[in-house]
Amino acid sequence: MMNEGRSRRPAEPPSRPKKPFHLNMEAELKQIPDYTQGSYRSTAVRRTSVFAKIMLAVIIIGISVFLALLIIFSGQEIFGINKPDQTILVDIPQNSGVQQIAEVLEQRGVIKSAYLFRVYYKVARLNGNFQYGTYSLNTKMSYDAIVNELSKYSSSREEVTVMFPEGCTLYEMSLLLEENQVCKSEDFLAALQNNDFGFDFEKEVSSGGKKYHRFEGYAFPDTYNFYVNDNPVNVAKKLLSNFNRKLRDEYRQRMKELGLTLEQGITLASIVQGESGDPDQMKMVASVYLNRINNAGTYPRLQADPTRKYAASLRNQMDIIDESIALAYDTYESDGLPPGPINNPGLAAIDAALNPTQTDYFYFCTDLKTGQFYYAKTLAEHEQNLRKAGLT
């Protein structure tokens, strides 16, 4: 047969019919790993837990630091620790309560928190019988000390009348105040020496150097009503306030015309006051001293007897005598005007010093028995007048 030697190909299997393509989403999704399960989820939870703990710790530390700082601030504020040393005058209105006083203290810078002051006052059960007036407080004072100071002068509201004569010195005023039970002499003088009272004229008042009483000359002599056991700062301010009212603009203008500062003008007035109480003689005396001041080359020293007396009184007041200060006030020993006024002059003396009679006199003397004044242009004439007045 012709086909017997040929090889045969195996028969192909019958083909299967093709199925249409269908995406089974549910089945496919089951094949995706579930990362919310197992180890991945545990790791994420652990990370969240650690972060939360860290944040909680930070918050706790922050609150602790804040509370610690608050406690430190409150303690320092309440007990006056690490606070600046500054004296501040505070005016307490009449019938003030704790809330109003706390606000005044904060506004004036004595305390930093009115709210803290009110809370401490209530919690500590402080008993403050507050009195109105002017008080000298220090920023270093504790809240307890502030309350005590504002209640210190409340034992009496009895009034007393005190009259200070023209030409009275601060030391003499202090003795009158103590005699009338207004305040102690040394407390009054300390209040004047250690406080600023807020008047514009204070900027023109010198302190230190050879000056002894800072406000000598500016406590106006007058009749005053004070409380018994009054606050010495309140007393001092009342005297200075009266001077401030009496210091008219015309006086300031006249001082400028004469080439005098406020302090020089009041110092000259105090010398004139010490020489005479007669307004007419005051103007003549003022002319002599102004003539010497304007001719300092020829007459360097005023040689005013009241300055020598004032120097002697200062020696009696000093615990340790500083002879240089006493000599600075003695115009027989030092040139020109003394370091400051030697008493507290009245308006007549101030007016006389600023409006003297026009003369050519450089000398004068007084008959101590009759009170008559003698004036001279030359030393020879003056020596004759001394004999007339019975002074030689």
Protein backbone atom coordinates (compact mmCIF):
# COMPACT_ATOMS: atom_id res chain seq x y z
CA MET A 1 0.00 0.00 0.00
CA MET A 2 1.42 3.39 -0.84
CA ASN A 3 0.56 5.06 2.63
CA GLU A 4 1.93 2.47 5.03
CA GLY A 5 5.41 3.99 5.45
CA ARG A 6 4.23 7.55 6.45
CA SER A 7 4.13 8.71 10.10
CA ARG A 8 0.91 9.89 11.57
CA ARG A 9 0.31 13.12 13.62
CA PRO A 10 -1.54 12.61 16.87
CA ALA A 11 -5.04 13.76 16.85
CA GLU A 12 -5.75 17.19 18.45
CA PRO A 13 -8.08 17.24 21.41
CA PRO A 14 -11.39 18.76 20.73
CA SER A 15 -11.46 22.51 21.58
CA ARG A 16 -13.53 23.77 24.61
CA PRO A 17 -15.90 26.59 24.20
CA LYS A 18 -14.51 29.92 25.73
CA LYS A 19 -16.26 31.34 28.77
CA PRO A 20 -17.02 35.06 28.88
CA PHE A 21 -14.62 37.25 31.20
CA HIS A 22 -16.20 38.18 34.52
CA LEU A 23 -14.42 40.18 37.31
CA ASN A 24 -15.47 38.91 40.73
CA MET A 25 -14.70 41.94 42.94
CA GLU A 26 -15.64 40.19 46.13
CA ALA A 27 -13.24 37.37 45.40
CA GLU A 28 -10.49 39.77 44.37
CA LEU A 29 -10.84 41.83 47.49
CA LYS A 30 -10.50 38.75 49.58
CA GLN A 31 -7.07 38.27 48.08
CA ILE A 32 -5.86 41.74 49.38
CA PRO A 33 -4.19 41.53 52.83
CA ASP A 34 -6.23 43.06 55.63
CA TYR A 35 -3.79 45.53 57.18
CA THR A 36 -6.20 46.32 59.97
CA GLN A 37 -5.67 42.91 61.30
CA GLY A 38 -2.68 41.21 62.79
CA SER A 39 0.77 42.66 63.29
CA TYR A 40 0.27 45.89 61.33
CA ARG A 41 -2.68 46.94 63.42
CA SER A 42 -0.83 46.18 66.63
CA THR A 43 2.12 48.31 65.54
CA ALA A 44 -0.14 51.26 64.70
CA VAL A 45 -1.92 51.00 68.04
CA ARG A 46 1.38 50.90 69.88
CA ARG A 47 2.60 53.99 68.05
CA THR A 48 -0.59 55.89 68.86
CA SER A 49 -0.37 54.87 72.49
CA VAL A 50 3.24 56.06 72.82
CA PHE A 51 2.42 59.40 71.20
CA ALA A 52 -0.55 59.91 73.49
CA LYS A 53 1.58 59.17 76.52
CA ILE A 54 4.23 61.64 75.37
CA MET A 55 1.64 64.37 74.80
CA LEU A 56 0.06 63.70 78.20
CA ALA A 57 3.47 63.93 79.85
CA VAL A 58 4.21 67.21 78.05
CA ILE A 59 0.86 68.66 79.16
CA ILE A 60 1.41 67.55 82.76
CA ILE A 61 4.93 69.03 82.82
CA GLY A 62 3.66 72.26 81.26
CA ILE A 63 0.89 72.59 83.82
CA SER A 64 3.35 71.79 86.62
CA VAL A 65 5.81 74.42 85.41
CA PHE A 66 3.01 76.98 85.07
CA LEU A 67 1.71 76.24 88.55
CA ALA A 68 5.23 76.37 89.99
CA LEU A 69 5.89 79.75 88.37
CA LEU A 70 2.50 80.99 89.55
CA ILE A 71 3.28 79.92 93.10
CA ILE A 72 6.72 81.55 92.97
CA PHE A 73 5.30 84.77 91.54
CA SER A 74 2.49 84.85 94.10
CA GLY A 75 4.86 84.15 96.98
CA GLN A 76 7.32 86.84 95.92
CA GLU A 77 4.49 89.31 95.36
CA ILE A 78 2.74 88.61 98.66
CA PHE A 79 5.87 88.62 100.82
CA GLY A 80 7.80 91.33 98.95
CA ILE A 81 10.67 89.06 97.88
CA ASN A 82 12.96 90.04 94.97
CA LYS A 83 10.94 93.18 94.31
CA PRO A 84 12.43 96.58 93.40
CA ASP A 85 13.12 99.08 96.17
CA GLN A 86 11.00 102.10 95.29
CA THR A 87 9.07 104.48 97.52
CA ILE A 88 5.71 105.59 96.12
CA LEU A 89 3.19 108.04 97.54
CA VAL A 90 -0.36 106.74 97.37
CA ASP A 91 -3.55 108.75 97.95
CA ILE A 92 -6.30 106.62 99.49
CA PRO A 93 -9.78 108.12 98.91
CA GLN A 94 -12.17 108.45 101.82
CA ASN A 95 -14.39 105.43 102.57
CA SER A 96 -12.32 103.15 100.33
CA GLY A 97 -12.85 99.39 100.55
CA VAL A 98 -10.40 96.57 99.82
CA GLN A 99 -11.32 96.39 96.13
CA GLN A 100 -10.82 100.10 95.49
CA ILE A 101 -7.61 100.19 97.53
CA ALA A 102 -6.24 97.17 95.65
CA GLU A 103 -6.92 98.90 92.32
CA VAL A 104 -5.23 102.11 93.51
CA LEU A 105 -2.17 100.14 94.68
CA GLU A 106 -1.91 98.37 91.32
CA GLN A 107 -2.33 101.60 89.34
CA ARG A 108 0.41 103.30 91.37
CA GLY A 109 2.75 100.32 90.92
CA VAL A 110 2.97 99.32 94.59
CA ILE A 111 1.61 95.83 93.78
CA LYS A 112 1.35 93.91 90.51
CA SER A 113 -2.03 92.26 90.98
CA ALA A 114 -5.11 93.81 92.56
CA TYR A 115 -6.88 90.44 92.27
CA LEU A 116 -4.11 88.62 94.18
CA PHE A 117 -4.19 91.31 96.89
CA ARG A 118 -7.95 90.90 97.35
CA VAL A 119 -7.69 87.08 97.45
CA TYR A 120 -4.86 87.14 99.98
CA TYR A 121 -6.67 89.72 102.12
CA LYS A 122 -9.71 87.43 102.28
CA VAL A 123 -7.88 84.11 102.69
CA ALA A 124 -5.44 85.47 105.30
CA ARG A 125 -8.35 87.12 107.12
CA LEU A 126 -6.48 90.39 107.47
CA ASN A 127 -8.20 93.05 109.51
CA GLY A 128 -7.50 96.42 107.95
CA ASN A 129 -9.27 99.47 109.35
CA PHE A 130 -8.22 101.56 106.36
CA GLN A 131 -7.96 105.35 106.59
CA TYR A 132 -7.91 107.86 103.77
CA GLY A 133 -5.00 110.18 103.16
CA THR A 134 -1.54 110.11 101.62
CA TYR A 135 0.75 107.19 102.45
CA SER A 136 4.38 106.46 101.68
CA LEU A 137 4.61 102.83 100.57
CA ASN A 138 7.49 100.79 99.20
CA THR A 139 7.30 98.21 96.43
CA LYS A 140 9.31 95.81 98.63
CA MET A 141 6.61 95.79 101.30
CA SER A 142 4.64 92.60 101.92
CA TYR A 143 0.86 92.64 101.68
CA ASP A 144 0.69 92.39 105.48
CA ALA A 145 2.96 95.44 105.84
CA ILE A 146 0.87 97.42 103.35
CA VAL A 147 -2.34 96.67 105.24
CA ASN A 148 -0.68 97.61 108.55
CA GLU A 149 0.60 100.88 107.12
CA LEU A 150 -2.78 101.85 105.70
CA SER A 151 -4.36 101.10 109.09
CA LYS A 152 -1.60 102.61 111.23
CA TYR A 153 -3.06 106.05 111.84
CA SER A 154 -6.65 105.09 112.58
CA SER A 155 -6.71 105.25 116.36
CA SER A 156 -8.19 108.74 116.49
CA ARG A 157 -10.14 111.13 114.29
CA GLU A 158 -9.83 113.93 116.82
CA GLU A 159 -8.71 117.17 115.18
CA VAL A 160 -6.22 119.71 116.48
CA THR A 161 -5.34 123.19 115.19
CA VAL A 162 -1.67 124.13 114.84
CA MET A 163 -0.38 127.59 113.88
CA PHE A 164 3.10 127.90 112.35
CA PRO A 165 4.43 131.50 112.48
CA GLU A 166 6.20 133.03 109.49
CA GLY A 167 9.91 132.29 109.63
CA CYS A 168 9.38 129.02 111.48
CA THR A 169 11.96 126.35 110.62
CA LEU A 170 11.11 122.74 109.80
CA TYR A 171 12.65 121.61 113.06
CA GLU A 172 10.51 124.07 115.01
CA MET A 173 7.45 122.89 113.06
CA SER A 174 8.25 119.28 113.92
CA LEU A 175 8.38 120.12 117.64
CA LEU A 176 4.99 121.88 117.45
CA LEU A 177 3.49 118.86 115.70
CA GLU A 178 4.77 116.50 118.36
CA GLU A 179 3.64 118.84 121.13
CA ASN A 180 0.11 118.77 119.68
CA GLN A 181 0.22 114.96 119.28
CA VAL A 182 -0.11 115.12 115.50
CA CYS A 183 2.96 113.00 114.81
CA LYS A 184 6.49 112.49 116.10
CA SER A 185 9.08 115.12 115.28
CA GLU A 186 11.51 112.70 113.67
CA ASP A 187 8.75 111.03 111.62
CA PHE A 188 7.68 114.37 110.14
CA LEU A 189 11.25 115.33 109.21
CA ALA A 190 11.89 111.86 107.74
CA ALA A 191 8.69 112.06 105.67
CA LEU A 192 9.87 115.34 104.13
CA GLN A 193 13.40 114.10 103.54
CA ASN A 194 12.59 110.72 101.98
CA ASN A 195 9.59 111.31 99.74
CA ASP A 196 8.66 112.97 96.46
CA PHE A 197 5.19 114.53 96.66
CA GLY A 198 4.44 115.09 92.99
CA PHE A 199 4.50 118.90 92.87
CA ASP A 200 6.13 120.58 89.87
CA PHE A 201 8.25 122.88 92.02
CA GLU A 202 10.03 119.87 93.54
CA LYS A 203 12.07 119.52 90.34
CA GLU A 204 13.68 122.87 91.19
CA VAL A 205 14.51 121.95 94.78
CA SER A 206 18.01 120.59 95.27
CA SER A 207 19.03 117.85 97.66
CA GLY A 208 22.30 116.45 98.90
CA GLY A 209 25.58 118.31 98.95
CA LYS A 210 25.74 120.72 101.86
CA LYS A 211 21.97 121.08 102.08
CA TYR A 212 20.55 119.79 105.35
CA HIS A 213 16.73 119.92 105.26
CA ARG A 214 15.60 119.27 101.71
CA PHE A 215 12.24 121.06 101.92
CA GLU A 216 13.21 123.87 104.29
CA GLY A 217 11.55 126.99 102.90
CA TYR A 218 8.68 125.17 101.16
CA ALA A 219 6.48 124.19 104.13
CA PHE A 220 4.25 127.22 104.07
CA PRO A 221 3.68 128.86 107.49
CA ASP A 222 -0.04 129.00 108.18
CA THR A 223 -2.79 127.69 110.48
CA TYR A 224 -3.72 124.06 109.85
CA ASN A 225 -6.12 121.44 111.13
CA PHE A 226 -4.59 117.99 111.63
CA TYR A 227 -5.79 114.72 113.08
CA VAL A 228 -4.29 113.56 116.33
CA ASN A 229 -1.92 110.67 115.51
CA ASP A 230 -1.98 111.68 111.85
CA ASN A 231 0.13 110.20 109.07
CA PRO A 232 3.38 112.28 108.90
CA VAL A 233 3.43 111.96 105.09
CA ASN A 234 -0.07 113.38 104.96
CA VAL A 235 0.98 116.24 107.26
CA ALA A 236 4.07 117.04 105.17
CA LYS A 237 2.11 116.99 101.91
CA LYS A 238 -0.48 119.40 103.34
CA LEU A 239 2.23 121.99 104.10
CA LEU A 240 3.90 121.63 100.70
CA SER A 241 0.55 121.74 98.92
CA ASN A 242 -0.15 125.11 100.53
CA PHE A 243 3.19 126.44 99.30
CA ASN A 244 2.42 125.13 95.81
CA ARG A 245 -0.86 127.08 95.80
CA LYS A 246 0.81 130.27 97.07
CA LEU A 247 3.60 130.14 94.45
CA ARG A 248 1.95 132.34 91.84
CA ASP A 249 3.15 132.67 88.25
CA GLU A 250 4.02 136.32 88.85
CA TYR A 251 6.54 135.27 91.50
CA ARG A 252 8.22 132.89 89.08
CA GLN A 253 8.33 135.54 86.38
CA ARG A 254 9.86 138.08 88.78
CA MET A 255 12.56 135.58 89.81
CA LYS A 256 13.54 135.20 86.16
CA GLU A 257 13.74 138.98 85.77
CA LEU A 258 16.08 139.16 88.77
CA GLY A 259 18.20 136.27 87.50
CA LEU A 260 17.24 134.06 90.43
CA THR A 261 16.23 130.42 90.48
CA LEU A 262 13.27 129.35 92.61
CA GLU A 263 15.61 128.09 95.31
CA GLN A 264 17.67 131.27 95.29
CA GLY A 265 14.52 133.40 95.48
CA ILE A 266 13.07 131.48 98.44
CA THR A 267 16.47 131.39 100.16
CA LEU A 268 16.76 135.17 99.87
CA ALA A 269 13.18 135.54 101.15
CA SER A 270 13.99 133.36 104.15
CA ILE A 271 16.94 135.60 105.06
CA VAL A 272 14.77 138.69 104.68
CA GLN A 273 12.13 136.99 106.87
CA GLY A 274 14.76 136.27 109.50
CA GLU A 275 15.88 139.92 109.57
CA SER A 276 12.51 141.63 109.97
CA GLY A 277 8.78 141.12 110.23
CA ASP A 278 8.01 144.64 109.01
CA PRO A 279 7.04 144.62 105.29
CA ASP A 280 8.55 148.07 104.66
CA GLN A 281 11.86 147.17 106.30
CA MET A 282 11.81 143.81 104.48
CA LYS A 283 12.05 145.60 101.12
CA MET A 284 14.96 147.73 102.33
CA VAL A 285 16.77 144.68 103.73
CA ALA A 286 16.17 142.82 100.48
CA SER A 287 17.76 145.67 98.53
CA VAL A 288 20.95 145.41 100.60
CA TYR A 289 21.33 141.69 100.00
CA LEU A 290 20.48 141.91 96.30
CA ASN A 291 23.03 144.71 95.92
CA ARG A 292 25.65 142.44 97.46
CA ILE A 293 24.63 139.49 95.29
CA ASN A 294 24.91 141.68 92.18
CA ASN A 295 28.33 142.96 93.29
CA ALA A 296 29.81 139.67 94.49
CA GLY A 297 33.33 140.68 93.46
CA THR A 298 33.37 143.47 96.02
CA TYR A 299 30.96 141.93 98.54
CA PRO A 300 31.37 138.14 98.27
CA ARG A 301 29.73 137.45 101.65
CA LEU A 302 26.21 138.45 102.67
CA GLN A 303 27.08 138.50 106.40
CA ALA A 304 23.48 137.86 107.45
CA ASP A 305 22.99 137.25 111.17
CA PRO A 306 20.01 134.84 110.70
CA THR A 307 22.23 132.45 108.73
CA ARG A 308 24.70 132.26 111.61
CA LYS A 309 21.85 131.43 114.01
CA TYR A 310 20.55 128.76 111.63
CA ALA A 311 24.00 127.19 111.39
CA ALA A 312 24.10 126.98 115.18
CA SER A 313 20.67 125.31 115.27
CA LEU A 314 21.84 122.71 112.74
CA ARG A 315 24.75 121.79 114.96
CA ASN A 316 22.25 121.08 117.75
CA GLN A 317 20.17 118.86 115.47
CA MET A 318 23.03 116.72 114.16
CA ASP A 319 23.81 113.41 115.87
CA ILE A 320 27.32 113.74 114.49
CA ILE A 321 28.19 117.35 113.75
CA ASP A 322 29.28 118.00 110.16
CA GLU A 323 31.02 121.33 110.50
CA SER A 324 31.25 121.79 106.72
CA ILE A 325 27.44 121.87 106.46
CA ALA A 326 27.11 124.36 109.31
CA LEU A 327 29.76 126.63 107.78
CA ALA A 328 28.08 126.45 104.36
CA TYR A 329 24.96 128.01 105.89
CA ASP A 330 26.87 130.69 107.80
CA THR A 331 27.20 133.61 105.36
CA TYR A 332 29.92 135.14 107.52
CA GLU A 333 32.02 132.10 106.64
CA SER A 334 30.85 131.21 103.11
CA ASP A 335 30.33 133.27 99.96
CA GLY A 336 26.96 134.02 98.42
CA LEU A 337 23.66 132.47 99.40
CA PRO A 338 23.58 129.44 101.71
CA PRO A 339 22.80 125.96 100.26
CA GLY A 340 19.08 126.49 100.84
CA PRO A 341 16.49 128.49 102.78
CA ILE A 342 17.02 128.97 106.50
CA ASN A 343 13.32 129.05 107.45
CA ASN A 344 9.88 129.01 105.85
CA PRO A 345 9.07 132.56 104.76
CA GLY A 346 5.60 134.08 104.44
CA LEU A 347 4.20 135.91 101.41
CA ALA A 348 5.32 139.33 102.66
CA ALA A 349 8.96 138.22 102.77
CA ILE A 350 8.72 136.52 99.38
CA ASP A 351 7.16 139.63 97.87
CA ALA A 352 9.80 141.89 99.46
CA ALA A 353 12.67 139.74 98.21
CA LEU A 354 11.32 139.90 94.67
CA ASN A 355 10.29 143.57 94.75
CA PRO A 356 12.93 145.35 96.85
CA THR A 357 13.29 149.07 97.28
CA GLN A 358 15.87 150.50 94.87
CA THR A 359 18.85 151.67 96.96
CA ASP A 360 22.65 151.98 96.91
CA TYR A 361 23.03 150.45 100.35
CA PHE A 362 25.41 147.57 101.07
CA TYR A 363 25.18 147.57 104.89
CA PHE A 364 22.51 147.75 107.57
CA CYS A 365 22.17 147.15 111.29
CA THR A 366 19.39 147.18 113.86
CA ASP A 367 19.05 148.66 117.30
CA LEU A 368 18.00 145.60 119.29
CA LYS A 369 16.25 147.72 121.94
CA THR A 370 14.24 150.06 119.71
CA GLY A 371 14.07 147.95 116.55
CA GLN A 372 15.29 150.87 114.44
CA PHE A 373 17.16 150.03 111.21
CA TYR A 374 20.23 151.92 109.99
CA TYR A 375 21.43 151.67 106.35
CA ALA A 376 24.81 152.60 104.87
CA LYS A 377 26.58 152.74 101.51
CA THR A 378 30.13 152.42 102.87
CA LEU A 379 31.88 150.54 105.63
CA ALA A 380 32.74 153.84 107.37
CA GLU A 381 29.06 154.82 107.47
CA HIS A 382 28.17 151.36 108.69
CA GLU A 383 30.61 151.58 111.58
CA GLN A 384 29.02 154.87 112.64
CA ASN A 385 25.58 153.22 112.49
CA LEU A 386 26.80 150.38 114.67
CA ARG A 387 27.67 152.90 117.35
CA LYS A 388 24.27 154.57 117.00
CA ALA A 389 22.54 151.23 117.39
CA GLY A 390 24.59 150.45 120.49
CA LEU A 391 26.24 147.44 118.86
CA THR A 392 29.85 148.53 119.52
